[in-house]
Amino acid sequence: MKALDLEFANEMLTGVGEEVDKTAPKRWRAEAAAEKAEAFRKGRL
C-alpha cells in the first residue's frame, strides 16, 4: 500500500504540463532504506 502512496503523491505533486518522473518513488524508497540501515548501524555501535 505504501508503494502506491508514493506513486500517487508523485503524480499529484507534478505540476500541470510536466512529465511525471516514474523513477522517483523507487529512488525515494532506496533513500529511505539507506537511512534506516544507517540508523540501525549507529544503534548497534
N, C-alpha and C. Protein backbone atom coordinates (compact mmCIF):
# COMPACT_ATOMS: atom_id res chain seq x y z
N MET A 1 0.83 -1.20 0.00
CA MET A 1 0.00 0.00 0.00
C MET A 1 0.87 1.25 0.00
N LYS A 2 1.97 1.24 0.75
CA LYS A 2 2.82 2.41 0.80
C LYS A 2 3.44 2.71 -0.56
N ALA A 3 3.73 1.70 -1.34
CA ALA A 3 4.29 1.92 -2.67
C ALA A 3 3.32 2.71 -3.52
N LEU A 4 2.06 2.40 -3.41
CA LEU A 4 1.06 3.14 -4.16
C LEU A 4 0.94 4.57 -3.68
N ASP A 5 1.12 4.80 -2.37
CA ASP A 5 1.06 6.15 -1.84
C ASP A 5 2.15 7.03 -2.43
N LEU A 6 3.36 6.51 -2.55
CA LEU A 6 4.45 7.28 -3.13
C LEU A 6 4.18 7.61 -4.60
N GLU A 7 3.67 6.64 -5.31
CA GLU A 7 3.39 6.87 -6.73
C GLU A 7 2.26 7.88 -6.91
N PHE A 8 1.24 7.79 -6.06
CA PHE A 8 0.13 8.74 -6.12
C PHE A 8 0.62 10.14 -5.77
N ALA A 9 1.41 10.27 -4.71
CA ALA A 9 1.94 11.57 -4.31
C ALA A 9 2.82 12.15 -5.42
N ASN A 10 3.60 11.32 -6.06
CA ASN A 10 4.45 11.78 -7.15
C ASN A 10 3.60 12.38 -8.27
N GLU A 11 2.53 11.72 -8.61
CA GLU A 11 1.66 12.22 -9.68
C GLU A 11 0.94 13.50 -9.25
N MET A 12 0.52 13.58 -7.99
CA MET A 12 -0.21 14.75 -7.52
C MET A 12 0.70 15.98 -7.39
N LEU A 13 1.97 15.77 -7.06
CA LEU A 13 2.89 16.87 -6.86
C LEU A 13 3.54 17.35 -8.16
N THR A 14 3.36 16.60 -9.21
CA THR A 14 3.91 17.01 -10.50
C THR A 14 3.05 18.13 -11.06
N GLY A 15 3.68 19.20 -11.48
CA GLY A 15 2.96 20.36 -12.00
C GLY A 15 2.24 20.06 -13.29
N VAL A 16 1.26 20.89 -13.58
CA VAL A 16 0.48 20.75 -14.83
C VAL A 16 1.41 20.98 -16.01
N GLY A 17 1.36 20.08 -16.94
CA GLY A 17 2.19 20.19 -18.14
C GLY A 17 3.57 19.57 -17.99
N GLU A 18 3.92 19.13 -16.78
CA GLU A 18 5.21 18.48 -16.56
C GLU A 18 5.04 16.97 -16.68
N GLU A 19 6.12 16.32 -17.05
CA GLU A 19 6.09 14.87 -17.16
C GLU A 19 6.35 14.25 -15.78
N VAL A 20 5.58 13.23 -15.44
CA VAL A 20 5.74 12.53 -14.16
C VAL A 20 7.02 11.72 -14.19
N ASP A 21 7.85 11.89 -13.16
CA ASP A 21 9.09 11.13 -13.03
C ASP A 21 8.76 9.77 -12.44
N LYS A 22 8.71 8.75 -13.30
CA LYS A 22 8.32 7.40 -12.87
C LYS A 22 9.37 6.75 -11.98
N THR A 23 10.62 7.24 -12.00
CA THR A 23 11.67 6.62 -11.20
C THR A 23 11.74 7.20 -9.78
N ALA A 24 11.04 8.30 -9.53
CA ALA A 24 11.12 8.97 -8.23
C ALA A 24 10.70 8.06 -7.07
N PRO A 25 9.56 7.37 -7.12
CA PRO A 25 9.18 6.53 -5.97
C PRO A 25 10.23 5.46 -5.64
N LYS A 26 10.81 4.86 -6.67
CA LYS A 26 11.84 3.84 -6.44
C LYS A 26 13.07 4.47 -5.76
N ARG A 27 13.44 5.66 -6.21
CA ARG A 27 14.58 6.37 -5.64
C ARG A 27 14.29 6.75 -4.19
N TRP A 28 13.06 7.20 -3.90
CA TRP A 28 12.69 7.57 -2.54
C TRP A 28 12.72 6.37 -1.61
N ARG A 29 12.25 5.22 -2.10
CA ARG A 29 12.29 4.00 -1.27
C ARG A 29 13.74 3.60 -0.98
N ALA A 30 14.61 3.73 -1.96
CA ALA A 30 16.02 3.38 -1.76
C ALA A 30 16.67 4.33 -0.75
N GLU A 31 16.35 5.62 -0.83
CA GLU A 31 16.90 6.58 0.13
C GLU A 31 16.40 6.28 1.54
N ALA A 32 15.13 5.96 1.67
CA ALA A 32 14.57 5.64 2.98
C ALA A 32 15.21 4.38 3.55
N ALA A 33 15.44 3.39 2.71
CA ALA A 33 16.07 2.15 3.17
C ALA A 33 17.50 2.41 3.62
N ALA A 34 18.21 3.27 2.90
CA ALA A 34 19.59 3.60 3.28
C ALA A 34 19.62 4.34 4.61
N GLU A 35 18.69 5.27 4.81
CA GLU A 35 18.63 5.99 6.08
C GLU A 35 18.30 5.05 7.24
N LYS A 36 17.39 4.12 6.99
CA LYS A 36 17.01 3.16 8.03
C LYS A 36 18.19 2.25 8.38
N ALA A 37 18.93 1.81 7.36
CA ALA A 37 20.09 0.95 7.59
C ALA A 37 21.17 1.71 8.36
N GLU A 38 21.37 2.98 8.03
CA GLU A 38 22.37 3.77 8.74
C GLU A 38 21.97 3.97 10.20
N ALA A 39 20.71 4.25 10.45
CA ALA A 39 20.23 4.41 11.82
C ALA A 39 20.41 3.11 12.60
N PHE A 40 20.17 1.99 11.95
CA PHE A 40 20.33 0.68 12.61
C PHE A 40 21.79 0.45 12.98
N ARG A 41 22.71 0.75 12.02
CA ARG A 41 24.13 0.56 12.30
C ARG A 41 24.59 1.47 13.45
N LYS A 42 24.14 2.70 13.49
CA LYS A 42 24.51 3.62 14.56
C LYS A 42 24.01 3.13 15.91
N GLY A 43 22.86 2.53 15.91
CA GLY A 43 22.29 1.99 17.15
C GLY A 43 23.05 0.78 17.65
N ARG A 44 23.70 0.06 16.75
CA ARG A 44 24.40 -1.18 17.12
C ARG A 44 25.84 -0.91 17.56
N LEU A 45 26.38 0.27 17.27
CA LEU A 45 27.77 0.54 17.61
C LEU A 45 27.95 0.83 19.06
